[in-house]
Amino acid sequence: MGNMDGWDVALLVAAGYVAVTALVRLMIRRRNQAVAEFHKQLAQEKQRRKVERLKHPSKREQAA
């Protein structure tokens, strides 16, 4: 790398910037997908528990 001129360094820096930016965007998109999937599963579990509670009330709820 000792014989690189200014244009070579500029191209290397630009390529590095593009690569890092693309990777960060992909990681952010994947994180958002994972969070959305988690929220969906959480909502499904809450609904399942609600239905289960209505089908089989606990002793505490029956006493009230």
Protein backbone atom coordinates (compact mmCIF):
# COMPACT_ATOMS: atom_id res chain seq x y z
CA MET A 1 0.00 0.00 0.00
CA GLY A 2 3.04 2.23 -0.02
CA ASN A 3 2.74 3.02 -3.75
CA MET A 4 -0.89 4.24 -3.68
CA ASP A 5 -1.56 7.72 -4.98
CA GLY A 6 -4.36 10.05 -3.86
CA TRP A 7 -6.98 8.63 -6.22
CA ASP A 8 -6.34 5.08 -5.06
CA VAL A 9 -6.79 6.10 -1.44
CA ALA A 10 -9.95 8.06 -2.29
CA LEU A 11 -11.42 5.05 -4.14
CA LEU A 12 -10.54 2.73 -1.27
CA VAL A 13 -12.16 5.08 1.26
CA ALA A 14 -15.27 5.48 -0.92
CA ALA A 15 -15.59 1.71 -1.40
CA GLY A 16 -15.21 1.17 2.34
CA TYR A 17 -17.86 3.77 3.08
CA VAL A 18 -20.32 2.20 0.62
CA ALA A 19 -19.69 -1.28 2.03
CA VAL A 20 -20.17 -0.20 5.66
CA THR A 21 -23.26 1.84 4.81
CA ALA A 22 -24.83 -1.08 2.95
CA LEU A 23 -24.06 -3.47 5.81
CA VAL A 24 -25.54 -1.10 8.40
CA ARG A 25 -28.72 -0.69 6.36
CA LEU A 26 -29.09 -4.46 6.00
CA MET A 27 -28.57 -4.93 9.73
CA ILE A 28 -31.14 -2.24 10.58
CA ARG A 29 -33.68 -3.80 8.22
CA ARG A 30 -33.12 -7.24 9.77
CA ARG A 31 -33.44 -5.80 13.27
CA ASN A 32 -36.73 -4.14 12.36
CA GLN A 33 -38.02 -7.41 10.89
CA ALA A 34 -37.05 -9.29 14.05
CA VAL A 35 -38.73 -6.70 16.27
CA ALA A 36 -41.91 -6.82 14.15
CA GLU A 37 -41.95 -10.62 14.34
CA PHE A 38 -41.45 -10.47 18.11
CA HIS A 39 -44.34 -8.00 18.49
CA LYS A 40 -46.54 -10.24 16.34
CA GLN A 41 -45.71 -13.28 18.48
CA LEU A 42 -46.33 -11.27 21.64
CA ALA A 43 -49.76 -10.18 20.41
CA GLN A 44 -50.63 -13.77 19.46
CA GLU A 45 -49.56 -15.01 22.89
CA LYS A 46 -51.64 -12.33 24.64
CA GLN A 47 -54.66 -13.31 22.54
CA ARG A 48 -54.08 -17.00 23.28
CA ARG A 49 -53.87 -16.32 27.01
CA LYS A 50 -57.01 -14.21 26.90
CA VAL A 51 -58.95 -16.97 25.14
CA GLU A 52 -57.55 -19.56 27.54
CA ARG A 53 -58.55 -17.43 30.53
CA LEU A 54 -62.10 -17.09 29.19
CA LYS A 55 -62.38 -20.85 28.63
CA HIS A 56 -60.95 -21.82 32.02
CA PRO A 57 -61.28 -19.05 34.62
CA SER A 58 -59.03 -19.37 37.65
CA LYS A 59 -60.38 -19.94 41.14
CA ARG A 60 -59.58 -16.35 42.04
CA GLU A 61 -61.65 -15.04 39.11
CA GLN A 62 -64.55 -17.39 39.94
CA ALA A 63 -64.66 -16.14 43.54
CA ALA A 64 -65.00 -12.52 42.42
